[in-house]
Amino acid sequence: MQVIDYEPEISGTENTDPVIPEPEIPEPERISPSDAGFHDECFSLIDEIISRDVENGFPSAELTVMRDGKIVYENAWGRVNSYYPDGERKEDSPEVTTDTLYDLASVTKMFGVNYALHKLMTEGRINLEDKVYEYIGDRFYSDVTEIAYVKGDPSDLVTQKEWKKQVTIRDLITHTAGFPADPHYCHRYFNAKEQELSTEDINPLFAGYGADDETKEATVEAICRTPLLYGPGKRTLYSDVDYMLLGIVVEQITGMDLDTYLKETFCVPLGLKRITYEPLEHGFAPDDCAATELNGNTRDGAVSFDGIRTYTIQGEVHDENAYYCMGGVSGHAGLFASSTDLARLADLMLSGTAGDKEYFSQEVIDLFTSKKSDSEKNWGLGWWRQGDKQRTKYFGTKAGESTFGHQGWTGTLIMIDPEKKIVIAYLTNKINTRVTDREGNPNKFDGGKYVSASLGFVPEILYTGLDDESADVTDALEELGRKMS
């Protein structure tokens, strides 16, 4: 297989407006919840819970529900930026609407990368057993450096090179490649052996924080230098590096950046105008986007490194590696979307077709959404699965085993139930609040205390009395309401 040069070919030229064709399919029909098998009382309870939480300090939320390709429900609550950096409530911020864009965080992995892989596999342009170095080049394994991980399997450079040479596309998608969860490529100081933040240990994998193409190339080189914790295929460890690499592979194959490929292949034909990387570079204003962290990436001052953002993040990707190292466009994070456009895009997973056009074959859909193994039924290929009630925190307790989706750290959820033909896109910006315990755990925010932040409460309520028109759901919903209050 020929290795393609890293720099992707970007469609269009500077100062030239792209010609945007008309959508190939019409907008989906809108029907009432009762006509779709839901009870109106379920949506009333969701509205009551989120409205109460917003009144009591939760920043904002946006929800779209689809069934059988039709839009059943759309709503939005709260303000685009709910607090000043000092934690004082901000009352002059615009209210969110169903057009507001949210930072999807790791939900990006499914639509920025998995969708591309589904399409490329359907077209026969990629194979899961392809070796990663065949796309990145021999440097992927030959440039690996030696780090004596405290919690990794013992290895020398010869072993490391052999391990990395064997890493496949499948290993990356299933998070079994062996990469550390986050090597902190944007942090100059990081204890790589302990995999812990440091104020004095120089990070041997430091790539920079320039948020530009030069830093992105330096990050690719740092990934090539990154040794594995263990041999590929030995165990599952959720790592952002896996999808950073997969995004680069997609760019190599398609000759486009991830944003261009997503828009030209899916968004333009489907008429989706509110899904994009780098929204501030694509015609959106900050107030078109729900804000995230109040004080940049500092966790209210608990974290500091060269180049760190300290202003409230709004319209820029929150994720550190996506912003500082990948210039805002990465396979693991960076996408923004409204809940309705996200739901419409996700609906493609129910059949692989839209209008008369096939995007994914059913064989590819089944491959990516089937259980990874009998011992890991809660994993597909990249997709998270309900399995044996193992994802109830996100999908509720009533959704079936085959339900799949993903969540994002900023407070986002996509859920797809292929049996019931239901798609739920629930987006929040729960981290647009103060850090709860700056000294103890600076990754917990006050927004996480609310029911609205739990994500799985939405499907838990919606599935109550589903498809049973005669069911009296009042008592069940009152009990759920009490539990969630």
Protein backbone atom coordinates (compact mmCIF):
# COMPACT_ATOMS: atom_id res chain seq x y z
CA MET A 1 0.00 0.00 0.00
CA GLN A 2 1.34 3.41 -0.94
CA VAL A 3 1.84 5.86 1.88
CA ILE A 4 0.21 9.21 1.14
CA ASP A 5 1.95 12.42 2.19
CA TYR A 6 0.55 13.69 5.47
CA GLU A 7 -0.70 17.11 4.36
CA PRO A 8 -4.29 16.59 3.14
CA GLU A 9 -5.55 18.36 0.06
CA ILE A 10 -8.15 20.89 1.12
CA SER A 11 -11.05 21.47 -1.23
CA GLY A 12 -11.52 24.99 -2.57
CA THR A 13 -9.09 27.88 -2.68
CA GLU A 14 -8.64 30.95 -0.54
CA ASN A 15 -11.10 33.81 -1.21
CA THR A 16 -13.35 31.49 -3.22
CA ASP A 17 -16.81 30.76 -1.87
CA PRO A 18 -17.71 27.07 -2.30
CA VAL A 19 -20.65 26.14 -4.45
CA ILE A 20 -23.13 24.41 -2.13
CA PRO A 21 -25.55 22.16 -3.98
CA GLU A 22 -29.14 21.69 -2.91
CA PRO A 23 -29.79 18.85 -0.42
CA GLU A 24 -30.46 15.53 -2.06
CA ILE A 25 -33.29 14.67 0.34
CA PRO A 26 -36.02 16.83 1.90
CA GLU A 27 -36.13 17.66 5.60
CA PRO A 28 -37.72 14.93 7.70
CA GLU A 29 -41.40 15.02 8.56
CA ARG A 30 -42.39 16.22 12.02
CA ILE A 31 -44.99 14.22 13.93
CA SER A 32 -46.45 14.36 17.43
CA PRO A 33 -45.00 12.23 20.24
CA SER A 34 -48.24 10.27 20.56
CA ASP A 35 -48.22 9.41 16.85
CA ALA A 36 -44.69 8.05 17.35
CA GLY A 37 -45.63 5.81 20.30
CA PHE A 38 -44.48 8.12 23.11
CA HIS A 39 -46.59 9.50 25.92
CA ASP A 40 -46.83 13.28 26.07
CA GLU A 41 -46.38 13.08 29.84
CA CYS A 42 -42.83 11.76 29.30
CA PHE A 43 -41.77 14.90 27.50
CA SER A 44 -43.55 17.03 30.08
CA LEU A 45 -41.50 15.42 32.86
CA ILE A 46 -38.23 15.92 30.95
CA ASP A 47 -39.16 19.57 30.39
CA GLU A 48 -40.02 19.97 34.07
CA ILE A 49 -36.72 18.46 35.25
CA ILE A 50 -34.47 20.43 32.90
CA SER A 51 -36.40 23.69 33.46
CA ARG A 52 -36.09 23.26 37.23
CA ASP A 53 -32.38 22.51 36.97
CA VAL A 54 -31.75 25.54 34.75
CA GLU A 55 -33.62 27.73 37.21
CA ASN A 56 -31.39 26.35 39.98
CA GLY A 57 -28.11 26.84 38.13
CA PHE A 58 -27.70 24.23 35.38
CA PRO A 59 -26.29 25.99 32.28
CA SER A 60 -28.26 24.66 29.29
CA ALA A 61 -29.50 21.69 27.31
CA GLU A 62 -30.88 20.85 23.89
CA LEU A 63 -32.87 17.74 22.95
CA THR A 64 -34.09 16.18 19.71
CA VAL A 65 -35.89 12.84 19.44
CA MET A 66 -36.54 11.05 16.16
CA ARG A 67 -38.38 7.85 15.32
CA ASP A 68 -38.68 6.09 11.97
CA GLY A 69 -36.86 8.99 10.35
CA LYS A 70 -39.33 11.58 11.65
CA ILE A 71 -38.70 14.36 14.16
CA VAL A 72 -40.82 13.79 17.24
CA TYR A 73 -39.55 16.47 19.63
CA GLU A 74 -37.20 19.47 19.73
CA ASN A 75 -36.52 21.77 22.66
CA ALA A 76 -33.83 23.89 24.28
CA TRP A 77 -33.32 25.29 27.78
CA GLY A 78 -30.97 27.77 29.42
CA ARG A 79 -28.42 30.31 28.21
CA VAL A 80 -25.42 30.01 25.92
CA ASN A 81 -23.09 31.16 28.74
CA SER A 82 -24.50 30.94 32.24
CA TYR A 83 -21.71 32.26 34.47
CA TYR A 84 -18.97 34.84 34.67
CA PRO A 85 -15.46 33.46 35.25
CA ASP A 86 -15.76 34.14 38.99
CA GLY A 87 -18.87 31.96 39.20
CA GLU A 88 -21.44 34.75 39.42
CA ARG A 89 -24.66 33.96 37.56
CA LYS A 90 -24.76 35.64 34.13
CA GLU A 91 -28.24 36.91 33.28
CA ASP A 92 -27.50 38.87 30.09
CA SER A 93 -26.44 35.90 27.95
CA PRO A 94 -28.77 34.92 25.06
CA GLU A 95 -31.02 31.94 25.53
CA VAL A 96 -30.11 28.78 23.66
CA THR A 97 -32.36 27.69 20.80
CA THR A 98 -32.67 24.46 18.87
CA ASP A 99 -30.14 25.97 16.45
CA THR A 100 -27.43 26.44 19.09
CA LEU A 101 -24.23 24.45 18.49
CA TYR A 102 -22.72 22.33 21.28
CA ASP A 103 -19.18 21.04 21.64
CA LEU A 104 -19.72 17.29 21.10
CA ALA A 105 -16.40 16.22 22.70
CA SER A 106 -15.97 12.45 22.20
CA VAL A 107 -19.22 12.10 20.26
CA THR A 108 -16.95 13.48 17.52
CA LYS A 109 -15.31 10.07 17.30
CA MET A 110 -18.46 8.55 15.83
CA PHE A 111 -19.29 11.22 13.25
CA GLY A 112 -15.88 12.68 12.46
CA VAL A 113 -14.22 9.25 12.07
CA ASN A 114 -16.55 6.25 12.34
CA TYR A 115 -18.86 7.61 9.66
CA ALA A 116 -15.89 8.05 7.36
CA LEU A 117 -14.71 4.51 8.07
CA HIS A 118 -18.21 3.11 7.45
CA LYS A 119 -18.29 4.84 4.08
CA LEU A 120 -14.72 3.91 3.11
CA MET A 121 -15.32 0.28 4.03
CA THR A 122 -18.57 0.22 2.07
CA GLU A 123 -16.56 1.50 -0.90
CA GLY A 124 -13.78 -1.06 -0.33
CA ARG A 125 -11.15 1.62 0.30
CA ILE A 126 -10.01 0.45 3.74
CA ASN A 127 -9.81 -2.83 5.65
CA LEU A 128 -9.91 -3.27 9.41
CA GLU A 129 -6.83 -5.48 9.28
CA ASP A 130 -4.72 -2.86 7.50
CA LYS A 131 -1.62 -1.94 9.46
CA VAL A 132 -1.53 1.65 10.65
CA TYR A 133 2.05 2.18 9.51
CA GLU A 134 0.92 1.52 5.93
CA TYR A 135 -0.85 4.89 6.09
CA ILE A 136 1.44 6.83 8.44
CA GLY A 137 4.75 5.46 7.15
CA ASP A 138 7.53 3.40 8.73
CA ARG A 139 8.20 6.22 11.20
CA PHE A 140 5.09 5.05 13.05
CA TYR A 141 7.15 2.20 14.51
CA SER A 142 10.76 3.07 13.70
CA ASP A 143 10.74 6.39 15.61
CA VAL A 144 9.32 4.97 18.85
CA THR A 145 11.15 6.11 21.98
CA GLU A 146 11.69 4.27 25.23
CA ILE A 147 9.59 5.12 28.29
CA ALA A 148 9.59 2.75 31.26
CA TYR A 149 5.88 2.94 32.06
CA VAL A 150 5.17 2.10 35.70
CA LYS A 151 1.87 0.41 34.79
CA GLY A 152 2.85 -0.96 31.38
CA ASP A 153 4.12 -4.38 30.32
CA PRO A 154 7.92 -4.63 30.30
CA SER A 155 9.41 -4.05 26.86
CA ASP A 156 12.54 -2.87 25.09
CA LEU A 157 12.78 -0.83 21.90
CA VAL A 158 12.92 -3.92 19.70
CA THR A 159 9.68 -5.17 21.25
CA GLN A 160 8.07 -1.74 21.02
CA LYS A 161 8.85 -1.44 17.32
CA GLU A 162 7.37 -4.86 16.68
CA TRP A 163 4.26 -4.01 18.71
CA LYS A 164 3.65 -0.78 16.82
CA LYS A 165 4.31 -2.41 13.47
CA GLN A 166 1.47 -4.83 14.23
CA VAL A 167 -1.13 -2.21 15.21
CA THR A 168 -4.16 -2.40 12.90
CA ILE A 169 -7.11 -0.14 12.13
CA ARG A 170 -9.26 -2.58 14.14
CA ASP A 171 -6.99 -2.15 17.17
CA LEU A 172 -7.49 1.60 17.08
CA ILE A 173 -11.28 1.42 16.67
CA THR A 174 -11.63 -1.07 19.52
CA HIS A 175 -9.22 0.81 21.81
CA THR A 176 -6.96 -2.21 22.06
CA ALA A 177 -3.89 -0.73 20.34
CA GLY A 178 -2.07 -0.21 23.64
CA PHE A 179 -1.68 3.58 23.62
CA PRO A 180 -1.87 5.47 26.93
CA ALA A 181 -5.19 7.22 27.57
CA ASP A 182 -3.69 10.70 27.18
CA PRO A 183 0.05 11.36 26.77
CA HIS A 184 -0.61 15.13 27.18
CA TYR A 185 1.14 16.16 23.99
CA CYS A 186 0.39 19.84 24.71
CA HIS A 187 2.00 19.80 28.18
CA ARG A 188 5.71 20.56 28.40
CA TYR A 189 5.78 19.13 31.91
CA PHE A 190 4.35 15.64 32.37
CA ASN A 191 5.59 12.51 34.11
CA ALA A 192 5.35 10.07 31.21
CA LYS A 193 6.44 7.08 33.29
CA GLU A 194 3.69 7.62 35.87
CA GLN A 195 1.27 9.14 33.34
CA GLU A 196 0.63 12.03 35.70
CA LEU A 197 0.75 15.81 35.43
CA SER A 198 3.96 17.29 36.81
CA THR A 199 5.53 20.69 37.39
CA GLU A 200 9.12 19.57 36.87
CA ASP A 201 9.31 16.40 34.73
CA ILE A 202 9.91 17.23 31.06
CA ASN A 203 7.44 15.45 28.79
CA PRO A 204 9.50 13.50 26.21
CA LEU A 205 6.44 13.51 23.91
CA PHE A 206 5.72 17.25 24.10
CA ALA A 207 4.56 18.49 20.69
CA GLY A 208 3.53 22.07 21.36
CA TYR A 209 0.46 24.23 21.87
CA GLY A 210 0.43 26.34 18.72
CA ALA A 211 -3.03 25.22 17.52
CA ASP A 212 -1.75 25.27 13.93
CA ASP A 213 -0.61 22.97 11.13
CA GLU A 214 2.99 22.98 12.35
CA THR A 215 1.93 21.77 15.80
CA LYS A 216 -0.35 19.17 14.21
CA GLU A 217 2.59 17.70 12.30
CA ALA A 218 4.69 17.76 15.48
CA THR A 219 1.86 15.88 17.22
CA VAL A 220 1.83 13.22 14.51
CA GLU A 221 5.57 12.82 15.07
CA ALA A 222 4.99 12.60 18.84
CA ILE A 223 2.40 9.86 18.29
CA CYS A 224 4.96 7.98 16.23
CA ARG A 225 7.41 8.28 19.13
CA THR A 226 4.82 7.16 21.68
CA PRO A 227 5.52 3.65 23.06
CA LEU A 228 2.63 1.31 23.84
CA LEU A 229 1.66 0.25 27.36
CA TYR A 230 1.16 -3.32 26.15
CA GLY A 231 1.07 -5.30 22.94
CA PRO A 232 -1.87 -4.63 20.58
CA GLY A 233 -5.00 -6.68 21.20
CA LYS A 234 -4.20 -7.59 24.80
CA ARG A 235 -6.71 -5.40 26.62
CA THR A 236 -9.12 -2.49 26.17
CA LEU A 237 -7.97 0.98 27.22
CA TYR A 238 -9.99 3.97 26.05
CA SER A 239 -7.45 6.33 24.48
CA ASP A 240 -7.94 9.55 22.55
CA VAL A 241 -4.73 8.76 20.66
CA ASP A 242 -6.55 5.94 18.84
CA TYR A 243 -9.00 8.35 17.22
CA MET A 244 -6.42 11.08 16.66
CA LEU A 245 -4.62 8.49 14.53
CA LEU A 246 -7.78 7.29 12.81
CA GLY A 247 -8.59 10.86 11.85
CA ILE A 248 -5.17 11.19 10.25
CA VAL A 249 -5.69 7.91 8.38
CA VAL A 250 -9.04 9.17 7.02
CA GLU A 251 -7.37 12.37 5.85
CA GLN A 252 -4.68 10.34 4.12
CA ILE A 253 -7.16 8.19 2.24
CA THR A 254 -9.60 10.91 1.25
CA GLY A 255 -7.14 13.74 0.60
CA MET A 256 -9.40 16.06 2.62
CA ASP A 257 -9.43 17.30 6.17
CA LEU A 258 -12.06 15.68 8.38
CA ASP A 259 -14.36 18.71 8.28
CA THR A 260 -14.38 18.91 4.47
CA TYR A 261 -14.97 15.17 4.07
CA LEU A 262 -17.83 15.16 6.58
CA LYS A 263 -19.54 18.12 4.96
CA GLU A 264 -19.12 17.06 1.34
CA THR A 265 -19.98 13.41 1.94
CA PHE A 266 -22.82 13.70 4.46
CA CYS A 267 -23.88 17.17 5.57
CA VAL A 268 -24.42 18.86 2.21
CA PRO A 269 -26.42 15.97 0.66
CA LEU A 270 -28.51 15.70 3.84
CA GLY A 271 -29.02 19.45 4.15
CA LEU A 272 -27.28 19.69 7.52
CA LYS A 273 -25.94 23.20 8.12
CA ARG A 274 -25.24 23.05 11.84
CA ILE A 275 -22.50 20.45 12.11
CA THR A 276 -18.95 21.69 11.80
CA TYR A 277 -15.47 21.81 13.21
CA GLU A 278 -14.20 25.28 14.17
CA PRO A 279 -17.57 27.08 14.03
CA LEU A 280 -15.99 30.52 14.45
CA GLU A 281 -14.09 29.91 11.21
CA HIS A 282 -17.26 28.87 9.37
CA GLY A 283 -19.66 31.77 9.75
CA PHE A 284 -20.87 31.20 13.31
CA ALA A 285 -20.54 33.75 16.13
CA PRO A 286 -19.61 32.87 19.73
CA ASP A 287 -23.23 33.24 20.88
CA ASP A 288 -24.29 30.67 18.27
CA CYS A 289 -22.41 28.17 20.46
CA ALA A 290 -22.96 26.97 24.02
CA ALA A 291 -19.93 27.94 26.12
CA THR A 292 -17.91 25.39 28.05
CA GLU A 293 -15.26 25.98 30.71
CA LEU A 294 -15.39 29.36 32.44
CA ASN A 295 -11.65 29.88 32.87
CA GLY A 296 -10.19 28.28 29.78
CA ASN A 297 -8.58 24.91 30.43
CA THR A 298 -7.33 25.97 33.88
CA ARG A 299 -10.00 24.19 35.96
CA ASP A 300 -10.53 27.46 37.83
CA GLY A 301 -6.78 27.88 38.27
CA ALA A 302 -5.89 24.34 39.31
CA VAL A 303 -4.09 23.60 36.02
CA SER A 304 -1.47 25.70 34.25
CA PHE A 305 0.83 25.17 31.30
CA ASP A 306 2.47 27.29 28.63
CA GLY A 307 -0.05 28.67 26.17
CA ILE A 308 -3.14 27.66 28.17
CA ARG A 309 -6.39 29.48 27.47
CA THR A 310 -7.75 31.40 30.47
CA TYR A 311 -10.87 32.99 28.92
CA THR A 312 -14.32 31.40 28.81
CA ILE A 313 -14.30 28.95 25.92
CA GLN A 314 -17.12 29.56 23.45
CA GLY A 315 -17.03 28.38 19.85
CA GLU A 316 -13.61 26.74 20.29
CA VAL A 317 -13.20 23.06 21.06
CA HIS A 318 -12.64 22.52 24.77
CA ASP A 319 -10.49 19.39 24.50
CA GLU A 320 -6.83 20.27 25.01
CA ASN A 321 -5.28 17.91 22.48
CA ALA A 322 -7.87 18.79 19.85
CA TYR A 323 -7.32 22.54 20.27
CA TYR A 324 -3.63 22.99 21.05
CA CYS A 325 -2.19 19.99 19.18
CA MET A 326 -4.55 19.39 16.25
CA GLY A 327 -5.65 22.92 15.40
CA GLY A 328 -9.28 22.26 16.29
CA VAL A 329 -9.87 19.46 13.76
CA SER A 330 -9.24 15.99 15.13
CA GLY A 331 -10.73 12.52 15.04
CA HIS A 332 -11.27 12.35 18.79
CA ALA A 333 -12.89 15.74 19.48
CA GLY A 334 -13.70 19.05 17.84
CA LEU A 335 -17.13 18.70 16.23
CA PHE A 336 -19.94 21.11 17.10
CA ALA A 337 -23.59 20.47 16.25
CA SER A 338 -27.17 21.28 17.05
CA SER A 339 -29.15 18.38 18.46
CA THR A 340 -31.49 18.24 15.46
CA ASP A 341 -28.77 18.09 12.82
CA LEU A 342 -26.90 15.55 14.95
CA ALA A 343 -30.02 13.40 15.28
CA ARG A 344 -30.65 13.57 11.54
CA LEU A 345 -27.07 12.52 10.84
CA ALA A 346 -27.30 9.70 13.39
CA ASP A 347 -30.55 8.47 11.84
CA LEU A 348 -28.45 7.30 8.89
CA MET A 349 -27.29 4.39 11.08
CA LEU A 350 -30.73 2.81 11.03
CA SER A 351 -30.56 1.81 7.37
CA GLY A 352 -27.40 3.29 5.85
CA THR A 353 -29.50 5.06 3.24
CA ALA A 354 -31.09 8.46 2.79
CA GLY A 355 -33.48 9.00 -0.06
CA ASP A 356 -32.27 6.72 -2.84
CA LYS A 357 -28.61 6.93 -1.85
CA GLU A 358 -26.71 4.28 0.08
CA TYR A 359 -24.01 5.62 2.38
CA PHE A 360 -23.25 2.47 4.39
CA SER A 361 -23.97 -1.13 3.55
CA GLN A 362 -26.01 -3.08 6.10
CA GLU A 363 -23.07 -5.45 6.42
CA VAL A 364 -20.81 -2.59 7.53
CA ILE A 365 -23.43 -1.24 9.96
CA ASP A 366 -23.82 -4.69 11.52
CA LEU A 367 -20.06 -5.11 11.76
CA PHE A 368 -19.52 -1.82 13.58
CA THR A 369 -22.48 -2.10 15.95
CA SER A 370 -22.31 -5.78 16.90
CA LYS A 371 -20.76 -6.77 20.22
CA LYS A 372 -16.99 -6.84 20.20
CA SER A 373 -16.98 -10.18 22.02
CA ASP A 374 -19.08 -12.22 24.46
CA SER A 375 -17.04 -10.79 27.31
CA GLU A 376 -17.36 -7.18 26.08
CA LYS A 377 -20.93 -6.83 24.86
CA ASN A 378 -20.92 -3.15 25.77
CA TRP A 379 -18.43 -2.37 22.98
CA GLY A 380 -18.93 -2.36 19.25
CA LEU A 381 -16.30 -0.99 16.88
CA GLY A 382 -15.95 2.46 18.37
CA TRP A 383 -19.64 2.58 19.26
CA TRP A 384 -20.72 2.04 22.86
CA ARG A 385 -23.42 -0.64 23.24
CA GLN A 386 -26.03 -1.27 25.89
CA GLY A 387 -24.95 -4.93 26.11
CA ASP A 388 -26.06 -6.62 29.32
CA LYS A 389 -27.38 -3.37 30.80
CA GLN A 390 -23.80 -2.08 30.96
CA ARG A 391 -24.51 1.41 29.60
CA THR A 392 -27.64 2.26 31.62
CA LYS A 393 -25.94 5.45 32.84
CA TYR A 394 -26.32 6.73 29.29
CA PHE A 395 -29.06 4.64 27.65
CA GLY A 396 -31.36 4.03 30.63
CA THR A 397 -32.54 0.62 31.82
CA LYS A 398 -35.27 -0.02 29.24
CA ALA A 399 -33.36 0.21 25.95
CA GLY A 400 -32.47 -3.12 24.35
CA GLU A 401 -29.08 -4.84 24.14
CA SER A 402 -28.44 -3.67 20.57
CA THR A 403 -28.82 0.03 21.43
CA PHE A 404 -25.63 1.94 20.68
CA GLY A 405 -24.22 5.45 20.74
CA HIS A 406 -21.58 7.50 22.52
CA GLN A 407 -21.21 10.24 25.12
CA GLY A 408 -18.95 13.27 25.35
CA TRP A 409 -17.13 14.74 28.35
CA THR A 410 -18.70 18.16 27.93
CA GLY A 411 -22.11 16.59 28.63
CA THR A 412 -23.36 15.21 25.30
CA LEU A 413 -25.10 12.02 24.24
CA ILE A 414 -26.15 10.31 21.03
CA MET A 415 -28.25 7.17 21.39
CA ILE A 416 -29.55 4.95 18.57
CA ASP A 417 -31.97 2.09 19.12
CA PRO A 418 -32.11 0.01 15.92
CA GLU A 419 -34.94 -2.19 17.21
CA LYS A 420 -37.29 0.68 18.08
CA LYS A 421 -35.94 2.97 15.32
CA ILE A 422 -35.35 5.71 17.89
CA VAL A 423 -32.61 8.35 17.85
CA ILE A 424 -31.98 10.62 20.84
CA ALA A 425 -29.56 13.55 20.67
CA TYR A 426 -29.23 15.18 24.08
CA LEU A 427 -26.65 17.93 24.39
CA THR A 428 -25.60 19.91 27.45
CA ASN A 429 -22.69 22.11 28.44
CA LYS A 430 -22.56 20.98 32.05
CA ILE A 431 -18.93 22.12 32.42
CA ASN A 432 -20.00 25.76 31.91
CA THR A 433 -19.98 25.99 35.72
CA ARG A 434 -17.44 26.34 38.53
CA VAL A 435 -15.13 23.46 39.46
CA THR A 436 -16.61 21.66 42.46
CA ASP A 437 -13.41 20.58 44.21
CA ARG A 438 -10.47 22.53 42.82
CA GLU A 439 -7.92 20.88 45.12
CA GLY A 440 -9.31 17.35 45.27
CA ASN A 441 -10.64 16.65 41.77
CA PRO A 442 -10.53 19.60 39.38
CA ASN A 443 -12.26 17.56 36.65
CA LYS A 444 -15.61 17.69 38.45
CA PHE A 445 -17.88 20.66 37.83
CA ASP A 446 -20.93 21.94 39.68
CA GLY A 447 -22.99 21.23 36.57
CA GLY A 448 -22.50 17.53 37.16
CA LYS A 449 -24.64 17.63 40.30
CA TYR A 450 -27.91 18.09 38.43
CA VAL A 451 -30.24 15.41 37.10
CA SER A 452 -29.96 17.06 33.69
CA ALA A 453 -26.27 16.14 33.61
CA SER A 454 -26.91 12.42 34.07
CA LEU A 455 -27.78 11.96 30.34
CA GLY A 456 -29.44 8.57 30.80
CA PHE A 457 -32.45 10.09 32.56
CA VAL A 458 -33.84 11.13 29.16
CA PRO A 459 -34.23 7.63 27.64
CA GLU A 460 -35.27 6.28 31.05
CA ILE A 461 -38.29 8.58 31.00
CA LEU A 462 -39.01 8.35 27.28
CA TYR A 463 -39.24 4.54 27.26
CA THR A 464 -41.89 4.57 29.98
CA GLY A 465 -45.05 3.19 28.38
CA LEU A 466 -43.47 3.24 24.93
CA ASP A 467 -45.77 1.82 22.22
CA ASP A 468 -48.54 1.14 24.76
CA GLU A 469 -51.20 3.71 24.03
CA SER A 470 -53.50 2.42 26.76
CA ALA A 471 -50.84 2.46 29.48
CA ASP A 472 -51.40 4.78 32.42
CA VAL A 473 -47.89 6.12 32.97
CA THR A 474 -48.78 8.69 35.60
CA ASP A 475 -47.71 6.67 38.64
CA ALA A 476 -44.50 5.42 36.99
CA LEU A 477 -43.50 8.92 35.93
CA GLU A 478 -44.32 10.37 39.33
CA GLU A 479 -42.05 7.76 40.90
CA LEU A 480 -39.29 8.55 38.41
CA GLY A 481 -39.76 12.24 39.12
CA ARG A 482 -39.38 11.66 42.86
CA LYS A 483 -36.24 9.62 42.35
CA MET A 484 -34.74 12.27 40.11
CA SER A 485 -35.67 15.29 42.24
